Amino acid sequence: MTFSREEHLWIPESDLEGMSVDTLAVRAGQIRTGQLEHSDAIFPTSSFVYGSAAQAAARFGGEEPGNIYSRFTNPTVQAFEARIAAMEGGEKAVATASGMAAILSTCMALLQSGDHVICSRGVFGTTNVLFQKYMARFGVETSFVSLTDLDAWRDAVRPETRMLFIETPSNPLCEVADMAALSELSRANDALFVVDNCFCTPVLQRPLEQGADLIIHSATKYLDGQGRCVGGVVVGPAKYLDEIYGFLRSAGPTMSPFNAWVFQKGLETLPIRMRAHCNNALELAKWLEGQPAVAKVYYAGLESHPQHQLAKKQQDGFGGVLSFQVKGGREEAWRFIDATRMISITANLGDVKTTITHPATTTHGRLSPEDKDKAGITENLIRLSVGIEAIDDLKTDLTRGFQALKD
């Protein structure tokens, strides 16, 4: 059978099989309209029209495929979903209004009252609050354990355990989970294994290949990469994603078409950005280890990191986020942060611009002192999301922080 460009307005899925993540980031999920535009189209519409009342009834009744209402059917959103699903090696994806909406939608669709979740302590502070406070109101209990202590995970399992939830590498201490071991544990206990892959993205790590059931992203971070939009996405098998889609259709935590278009364009440069982030972060981590005012550096790319070998095995790079402790406490950490001039003081991460924050009072500020202590969130801890600026300029700006500690 001869391939005809005139008959194919986009690349067939079968032709994408076996392509690298670099190519999928640019070519997967592309839908061209009759205008044959080269760049991805955007469909900023709330609803869609039908040729007849009968067609409208068939669409709403599920008898005929097609767009209905942008809360749950929009071509731009579907194109983004198709691209990230292809990059992660997943059967399907569902895009949401934020990363937290992706986690909430997953929980509301797949958990019920009486279920038990095991979650690693080293997660984004708001993820901890969602499980500990709000899911508890619906009768879902959560146990928090160390990400790297497999015995603690095994001991936490109950007959009603239905989900294991992790971030790897963790936020902000860059701990690395043994995904194969946790996948085995989840399957032995008929529980879902859910991995937040925000720090690595599919360029550096593909959890579905290592036994995860579902992958979650805050698209706000690296998938966009330029701090423009808020969004989230869940990737995995259709049998789970169909349930999550059903919740999204009814509850409405939906990604907007414009944001989906921004994220789809962001994916096109994700591979080259991630490699630049990794290169800068590794050099900065090594440089920080040699600074007299630094008590400890947390970055899986360092040989001193306790899970360095595991990270080399599971990941194709070590990511762009690192944390370090300055000698002293909150006063010294704040003084260091305030002395920088170029680096952005903001809690967001995954941007081409380097950002700096004090986790104990920002990203993890809502945790209790006891929970902060268990998670290793100390008052002298600083987190860097390393951008793609010139490495010497980053060192110059951070040197201002070290100078402030001397003054």
Protein backbone atom coordinates (compact mmCIF):
# COMPACT_ATOMS: atom_id res chain seq x y z
CA MET A 1 0.00 0.00 0.00
CA THR A 2 1.45 3.37 -1.05
CA PHE A 3 1.58 6.14 1.54
CA SER A 4 -0.11 9.33 0.36
CA ARG A 5 0.59 12.64 2.09
CA GLU A 6 -2.66 13.98 0.65
CA GLU A 7 -4.63 11.30 2.48
CA HIS A 8 -2.79 11.64 5.79
CA LEU A 9 -3.04 15.02 7.49
CA TRP A 10 -1.00 13.68 10.41
CA ILE A 11 1.48 10.88 11.04
CA PRO A 12 -0.33 7.56 11.69
CA GLU A 13 0.30 6.06 15.13
CA SER A 14 1.72 2.93 13.55
CA ASP A 15 4.46 5.01 11.91
CA LEU A 16 5.47 6.44 15.31
CA GLU A 17 6.16 3.04 16.86
CA GLY A 18 9.81 2.61 17.75
CA MET A 19 10.66 6.29 17.37
CA SER A 20 12.80 7.93 20.05
CA VAL A 21 11.36 10.22 22.70
CA ASP A 22 13.10 13.14 20.96
CA THR A 23 11.09 12.52 17.80
CA LEU A 24 7.84 11.80 19.64
CA ALA A 25 8.19 15.11 21.48
CA VAL A 26 7.99 16.89 18.12
CA ARG A 27 5.78 14.66 15.98
CA ALA A 28 3.36 12.63 18.12
CA GLY A 29 -0.20 13.82 18.60
CA GLN A 30 -0.16 16.29 15.73
CA ILE A 31 -3.57 16.95 14.17
CA ARG A 32 -3.80 19.07 11.04
CA THR A 33 -7.02 20.70 9.87
CA GLY A 34 -8.05 21.23 6.27
CA GLN A 35 -5.84 24.32 6.23
CA LEU A 36 -2.76 22.04 6.41
CA GLU A 37 -1.03 24.23 8.98
CA HIS A 38 2.51 23.22 9.94
CA SER A 39 2.31 24.37 13.56
CA ASP A 40 -0.28 22.80 15.84
CA ALA A 41 -3.73 24.36 15.65
CA ILE A 42 -5.59 25.68 18.68
CA PHE A 43 -9.34 25.32 19.21
CA PRO A 44 -10.44 27.98 21.73
CA THR A 45 -14.12 27.13 21.72
CA SER A 46 -16.48 26.13 24.50
CA SER A 47 -18.73 23.92 22.36
CA PHE A 48 -19.13 22.33 18.93
CA VAL A 49 -22.00 22.32 16.44
CA TYR A 50 -23.73 19.38 14.74
CA GLY A 51 -25.18 18.80 11.31
CA SER A 52 -28.52 17.69 12.73
CA ALA A 53 -30.40 17.02 15.93
CA ALA A 54 -29.88 13.31 15.29
CA GLN A 55 -26.12 13.76 15.12
CA ALA A 56 -26.15 15.75 18.37
CA ALA A 57 -28.08 12.93 20.05
CA ALA A 58 -25.66 10.34 18.71
CA ARG A 59 -22.65 12.30 20.01
CA PHE A 60 -24.15 12.81 23.47
CA GLY A 61 -25.27 9.20 23.60
CA GLY A 62 -21.82 7.90 22.74
CA GLU A 63 -23.00 6.25 19.53
CA GLU A 64 -20.85 8.51 17.34
CA PRO A 65 -17.35 9.79 18.14
CA GLY A 66 -16.64 13.49 17.99
CA ASN A 67 -16.38 16.69 19.95
CA ILE A 68 -19.19 17.80 22.22
CA TYR A 69 -18.07 20.34 24.84
CA SER A 70 -14.56 21.49 25.73
CA ARG A 71 -14.87 20.44 29.36
CA PHE A 72 -14.20 16.91 28.16
CA THR A 73 -13.67 16.94 24.36
CA ASN A 74 -11.34 19.42 22.69
CA PRO A 75 -8.95 18.68 19.79
CA THR A 76 -6.08 20.76 21.21
CA VAL A 77 -6.27 19.02 24.59
CA GLN A 78 -6.50 15.64 22.87
CA ALA A 79 -3.41 16.40 20.80
CA PHE A 80 -1.41 17.21 23.93
CA GLU A 81 -2.69 14.05 25.61
CA ALA A 82 -1.70 11.92 22.63
CA ARG A 83 1.81 13.38 22.57
CA ILE A 84 2.63 12.92 26.25
CA ALA A 85 1.09 9.42 26.21
CA ALA A 86 3.35 8.46 23.30
CA MET A 87 6.42 9.88 25.06
CA GLU A 88 5.66 7.97 28.29
CA GLY A 89 4.74 4.78 26.44
CA GLY A 90 1.22 4.88 27.83
CA GLU A 91 -2.01 3.76 26.20
CA LYS A 92 -3.89 6.92 27.10
CA ALA A 93 -3.60 10.28 28.89
CA VAL A 94 -6.04 12.66 30.55
CA ALA A 95 -5.09 16.32 30.93
CA THR A 96 -6.25 18.35 33.92
CA ALA A 97 -6.28 21.95 35.15
CA SER A 98 -3.20 21.50 37.38
CA GLY A 99 -0.83 18.88 38.71
CA MET A 100 -2.80 18.72 41.94
CA ALA A 101 -5.99 18.27 39.91
CA ALA A 102 -4.33 15.27 38.25
CA ILE A 103 -3.64 13.70 41.66
CA LEU A 104 -7.12 14.54 42.97
CA SER A 105 -8.82 13.16 39.85
CA THR A 106 -6.84 9.93 40.12
CA CYS A 107 -7.79 9.48 43.76
CA MET A 108 -11.45 10.36 43.33
CA ALA A 109 -11.81 8.04 40.33
CA LEU A 110 -9.93 5.01 41.66
CA LEU A 111 -10.30 5.11 45.46
CA GLN A 112 -13.29 4.84 47.74
CA SER A 113 -14.15 5.13 51.43
CA GLY A 114 -12.31 2.52 53.47
CA ASP A 115 -9.32 2.34 51.13
CA HIS A 116 -5.76 2.82 52.35
CA VAL A 117 -2.91 4.64 50.60
CA ILE A 118 0.82 4.41 51.30
CA CYS A 119 2.61 7.61 50.30
CA SER A 120 6.26 8.51 50.51
CA ARG A 121 7.09 11.35 52.89
CA GLY A 122 9.26 13.02 50.30
CA VAL A 123 6.46 14.50 48.21
CA PHE A 124 5.40 18.05 47.41
CA GLY A 125 3.90 19.58 50.55
CA THR A 126 0.45 20.10 49.01
CA THR A 127 0.34 16.43 47.94
CA ASN A 128 0.88 15.54 51.59
CA VAL A 129 -1.95 17.87 52.65
CA LEU A 130 -4.31 16.48 50.00
CA PHE A 131 -3.89 12.93 51.28
CA GLN A 132 -3.60 13.71 54.97
CA LYS A 133 -6.43 16.23 55.28
CA TYR A 134 -8.84 16.16 52.38
CA MET A 135 -8.85 12.53 51.23
CA ALA A 136 -9.27 11.58 54.89
CA ARG A 137 -12.63 13.40 54.85
CA PHE A 138 -13.82 10.88 52.26
CA GLY A 139 -12.70 7.92 54.37
CA VAL A 140 -9.39 7.29 52.60
CA GLU A 141 -6.58 6.80 55.12
CA THR A 142 -2.94 7.45 54.24
CA SER A 143 0.27 6.17 55.82
CA PHE A 144 3.50 8.08 55.13
CA VAL A 145 6.78 6.20 54.98
CA SER A 146 10.36 6.81 53.91
CA LEU A 147 10.72 6.62 50.13
CA THR A 148 13.85 4.45 50.35
CA ASP A 149 12.95 2.13 53.24
CA LEU A 150 11.45 -0.95 51.57
CA ASP A 151 10.82 -2.64 54.92
CA ALA A 152 8.72 0.35 55.98
CA TRP A 153 6.64 0.01 52.80
CA ARG A 154 6.11 -3.71 53.43
CA ASP A 155 5.17 -3.11 57.05
CA ALA A 156 2.66 -0.41 56.09
CA VAL A 157 0.65 -2.69 53.77
CA ARG A 158 -2.86 -3.58 54.96
CA PRO A 159 -5.61 -5.72 53.43
CA GLU A 160 -7.36 -2.48 52.38
CA THR A 161 -4.26 -0.91 50.77
CA ARG A 162 -5.23 0.17 47.25
CA MET A 163 -2.50 2.61 46.20
CA LEU A 164 1.23 3.23 46.56
CA PHE A 165 2.10 6.82 45.66
CA ILE A 166 5.61 8.24 45.18
CA GLU A 167 7.70 11.00 43.66
CA THR A 168 11.09 9.89 42.41
CA PRO A 169 13.39 11.74 42.66
CA SER A 170 11.71 13.27 45.67
CA ASN A 171 10.95 16.91 46.39
CA PRO A 172 13.19 18.49 47.64
CA LEU A 173 15.83 15.99 48.86
CA CYS A 174 16.22 14.10 45.56
CA GLU A 175 15.81 10.64 47.10
CA VAL A 176 15.34 7.86 44.55
CA ALA A 177 12.85 5.01 44.89
CA ASP A 178 13.45 1.44 43.77
CA MET A 179 10.50 1.34 41.38
CA ALA A 180 10.89 -2.33 40.47
CA ALA A 181 10.68 -3.34 44.14
CA LEU A 182 7.68 -1.11 44.84
CA SER A 183 5.95 -2.36 41.70
CA GLU A 184 6.41 -5.94 42.89
CA LEU A 185 4.99 -5.00 46.30
CA SER A 186 1.95 -3.30 44.77
CA ARG A 187 1.15 -6.24 42.53
CA ALA A 188 1.50 -8.73 45.36
CA ASN A 189 -1.12 -6.76 47.27
CA ASP A 190 -3.47 -5.82 44.41
CA ALA A 191 -2.68 -2.13 44.77
CA LEU A 192 -2.04 0.57 42.19
CA PHE A 193 1.49 1.92 41.87
CA VAL A 194 1.37 5.64 41.01
CA VAL A 195 4.53 7.62 40.18
CA ASP A 196 4.84 11.40 40.00
CA ASN A 197 7.39 11.77 37.19
CA CYS A 198 7.57 15.56 37.35
CA PHE A 199 11.29 15.85 38.16
CA CYS A 200 12.53 13.54 35.40
CA THR A 201 9.89 13.69 32.64
CA PRO A 202 9.79 10.90 30.02
CA VAL A 203 13.09 12.19 28.63
CA LEU A 204 14.97 10.88 31.68
CA GLN A 205 12.67 8.23 33.13
CA ARG A 206 9.69 6.15 31.99
CA PRO A 207 8.05 4.59 35.06
CA LEU A 208 5.55 2.49 33.10
CA GLU A 209 8.51 0.50 31.80
CA GLN A 210 9.59 -0.09 35.39
CA GLY A 211 6.29 -1.38 36.70
CA ALA A 212 4.23 1.72 37.47
CA ASP A 213 0.49 1.60 36.77
CA LEU A 214 0.01 5.34 36.39
CA ILE A 215 2.20 8.39 35.84
CA ILE A 216 1.32 11.88 37.01
CA HIS A 217 2.82 15.18 35.87
CA SER A 218 2.48 18.76 36.88
CA ALA A 219 2.72 20.03 33.32
CA THR A 220 3.34 23.44 34.87
CA LYS A 221 6.93 22.41 35.45
CA TYR A 222 9.26 20.93 32.82
CA LEU A 223 6.60 20.00 30.25
CA ASP A 224 6.03 23.72 29.71
CA GLY A 225 9.48 24.78 30.85
CA GLN A 226 8.90 28.52 30.68
CA GLY A 227 6.52 29.22 33.55
CA ARG A 228 3.60 30.22 31.32
CA CYS A 229 0.68 27.98 32.29
CA VAL A 230 -0.68 25.70 35.00
CA GLY A 231 -1.76 22.17 34.10
CA GLY A 232 -1.48 18.47 34.86
CA VAL A 233 -1.80 15.09 33.18
CA VAL A 234 -2.24 11.41 34.07
CA VAL A 235 -0.85 8.67 31.78
CA GLY A 236 -1.45 4.93 31.80
CA PRO A 237 -3.70 2.08 30.65
CA ALA A 238 -7.16 2.89 29.30
CA LYS A 239 -8.87 0.80 31.99
CA TYR A 240 -7.76 3.35 34.60
CA LEU A 241 -7.74 6.44 32.42
CA ASP A 242 -11.34 5.89 31.34
CA GLU A 243 -12.40 6.10 35.00
CA ILE A 244 -10.34 9.25 35.52
CA TYR A 245 -11.81 10.75 32.34
CA GLY A 246 -15.29 10.00 33.67
CA PHE A 247 -14.52 11.93 36.86
CA LEU A 248 -13.09 14.83 34.86
CA ARG A 249 -16.16 14.95 32.61
CA SER A 250 -18.46 15.19 35.64
CA ALA A 251 -16.37 17.28 38.05
CA GLY A 252 -14.67 19.54 35.50
CA PRO A 253 -11.01 20.02 36.58
CA THR A 254 -10.25 20.48 32.90
CA MET A 255 -7.23 21.79 31.01
CA SER A 256 -8.01 24.77 28.78
CA PRO A 257 -7.30 24.55 25.02
CA PHE A 258 -4.84 27.43 25.20
CA ASN A 259 -2.85 25.81 28.01
CA ALA A 260 -2.84 22.49 26.15
CA TRP A 261 -1.44 24.24 23.08
CA VAL A 262 1.31 25.87 25.17
CA PHE A 263 2.21 22.53 26.75
CA GLN A 264 2.25 20.78 23.39
CA LYS A 265 4.67 23.38 22.06
CA GLY A 266 6.72 23.04 25.25
CA LEU A 267 7.11 19.30 24.67
CA GLU A 268 8.86 19.97 21.36
CA THR A 269 11.92 21.36 23.16
CA LEU A 270 11.71 19.16 26.26
CA PRO A 271 14.55 16.73 25.33
CA ILE A 272 17.13 19.42 24.66
CA ARG A 273 16.03 21.45 27.68
CA MET A 274 16.25 18.49 30.05
CA ARG A 275 19.79 17.70 28.97
CA ALA A 276 20.82 21.31 29.51
CA HIS A 277 19.16 21.31 32.96
CA CYS A 278 21.01 18.10 33.86
CA ASN A 279 24.40 19.41 32.75
CA ASN A 280 24.07 22.64 34.72
CA ALA A 281 22.66 20.95 37.83
CA LEU A 282 25.43 18.35 38.00
CA GLU A 283 28.16 20.98 37.69
CA LEU A 284 26.52 23.19 40.30
CA ALA A 285 26.05 20.25 42.70
CA LYS A 286 29.74 19.37 42.46
CA TRP A 287 30.69 23.04 42.95
CA LEU A 288 28.39 23.41 45.96
CA GLU A 289 29.95 20.34 47.61
CA GLY A 290 33.23 22.20 47.72
CA GLN A 291 31.89 25.34 49.39
CA PRO A 292 32.89 25.74 53.07
CA ALA A 293 29.50 27.21 54.04
CA VAL A 294 27.59 24.18 52.70
CA ALA A 295 26.79 21.42 55.15
CA LYS A 296 25.28 18.95 52.63
CA VAL A 297 24.19 18.73 48.99
CA TYR A 298 21.26 16.57 47.84
CA TYR A 299 21.51 15.51 44.19
CA ALA A 300 21.36 11.99 42.79
CA GLY A 301 24.08 12.76 40.25
CA LEU A 302 26.68 13.00 43.01
CA GLU A 303 28.60 9.86 43.91
CA SER A 304 28.03 10.80 47.55
CA HIS A 305 24.28 10.38 47.09
CA PRO A 306 23.07 7.13 48.76
CA GLN A 307 20.96 6.13 45.72
CA HIS A 308 23.42 7.27 43.06
CA GLN A 309 23.81 3.80 41.51
CA LEU A 310 20.04 3.20 41.53
CA ALA A 311 19.49 6.55 39.81
CA LYS A 312 22.04 5.61 37.13
CA LYS A 313 20.14 2.38 36.55
CA GLN A 314 16.62 3.86 36.43
CA GLN A 315 17.24 7.25 34.86
CA ASP A 316 18.87 8.62 31.71
CA GLY A 317 19.99 11.71 33.62
CA PHE A 318 19.75 13.17 37.10
CA GLY A 319 17.43 16.11 36.53
CA GLY A 320 17.60 19.82 37.17
CA VAL A 321 16.59 20.08 40.84
CA LEU A 322 19.00 19.98 43.77
CA SER A 323 18.92 21.05 47.40
CA PHE A 324 21.62 22.00 49.86
CA GLN A 325 21.95 22.91 53.50
CA VAL A 326 23.90 25.98 54.49
CA LYS A 327 25.59 25.97 57.88
CA GLY A 328 23.23 27.61 60.34
CA GLY A 329 19.43 27.87 60.31
CA ARG A 330 16.58 29.87 58.77
CA GLU A 331 18.36 33.20 59.20
CA GLU A 332 21.38 32.02 57.22
CA ALA A 333 19.23 30.37 54.54
CA TRP A 334 17.16 33.51 54.03
CA ARG A 335 20.25 35.70 53.99
CA PHE A 336 21.76 33.50 51.28
CA ILE A 337 18.59 33.59 49.17
CA ASP A 338 18.11 37.34 49.52
CA ALA A 339 21.69 38.04 48.42
CA THR A 340 21.17 36.56 44.95
CA ARG A 341 20.33 39.05 42.18
CA MET A 342 19.69 37.10 38.98
CA ILE A 343 18.16 33.86 40.25
CA SER A 344 14.39 34.11 40.74
CA ILE A 345 13.04 33.72 44.28
CA THR A 346 9.97 31.62 43.55
CA ALA A 347 8.64 28.22 44.54
CA ASN A 348 8.02 27.05 40.97
CA LEU A 349 10.47 24.65 39.33
CA GLY A 350 11.24 23.26 35.90
CA ASP A 351 11.73 26.66 34.29
CA VAL A 352 14.51 27.65 31.89
CA LYS A 353 15.19 30.36 34.48
CA THR A 354 16.92 29.16 37.65
CA THR A 355 14.73 29.47 40.75
CA ILE A 356 15.55 29.36 44.45
CA THR A 357 13.29 28.79 47.45
CA HIS A 358 13.23 27.95 51.16
CA PRO A 359 11.09 24.77 51.32
CA ALA A 360 10.38 24.93 55.07
CA THR A 361 8.45 28.18 54.64
CA THR A 362 7.14 27.83 51.06
CA THR A 363 6.54 24.49 49.29
CA HIS A 364 6.37 22.55 52.57
CA GLY A 365 5.26 25.39 54.81
CA ARG A 366 1.86 23.85 55.61
CA LEU A 367 3.39 20.72 57.10
CA SER A 368 3.52 20.39 60.87
CA PRO A 369 6.93 20.69 62.53
CA GLU A 370 6.81 16.95 63.18
CA ASP A 371 6.07 16.13 59.52
CA LYS A 372 8.81 18.49 58.35
CA ASP A 373 11.26 16.75 60.64
CA LYS A 374 10.26 13.31 59.34
CA ALA A 375 10.59 14.52 55.74
CA GLY A 376 14.00 16.10 56.34
CA ILE A 377 12.78 19.64 55.64
CA THR A 378 15.20 21.58 57.81
CA GLU A 379 15.34 25.34 58.35
CA ASN A 380 18.74 25.59 56.65
CA LEU A 381 17.62 23.79 53.48
CA ILE A 382 17.57 25.63 50.15
CA ARG A 383 16.19 24.22 46.90
CA LEU A 384 17.47 25.17 43.46
CA SER A 385 15.70 24.41 40.21
CA VAL A 386 18.63 24.88 37.88
CA GLY A 387 17.85 26.59 34.59
CA ILE A 388 19.77 26.81 31.35
CA GLU A 389 21.67 30.05 31.92
CA ALA A 390 25.45 30.09 31.54
CA ILE A 391 26.91 28.04 34.38
CA ASP A 392 29.52 30.68 35.26
CA ASP A 393 26.79 33.30 35.67
CA LEU A 394 24.90 31.00 38.03
CA LYS A 395 28.02 30.43 40.11
CA THR A 396 28.62 34.18 40.26
CA ASP A 397 25.10 34.80 41.57
CA LEU A 398 25.32 32.02 44.15
CA THR A 399 28.68 33.35 45.27
CA ARG A 400 26.81 36.48 46.36
CA GLY A 401 24.87 34.24 48.75
CA PHE A 402 28.05 32.78 50.21
CA GLN A 403 29.52 36.25 50.57
CA ALA A 404 26.44 37.34 52.51
CA LEU A 405 27.06 34.52 55.01
CA LYS A 406 30.53 35.90 55.65
CA ASP A 407 29.43 39.51 56.16
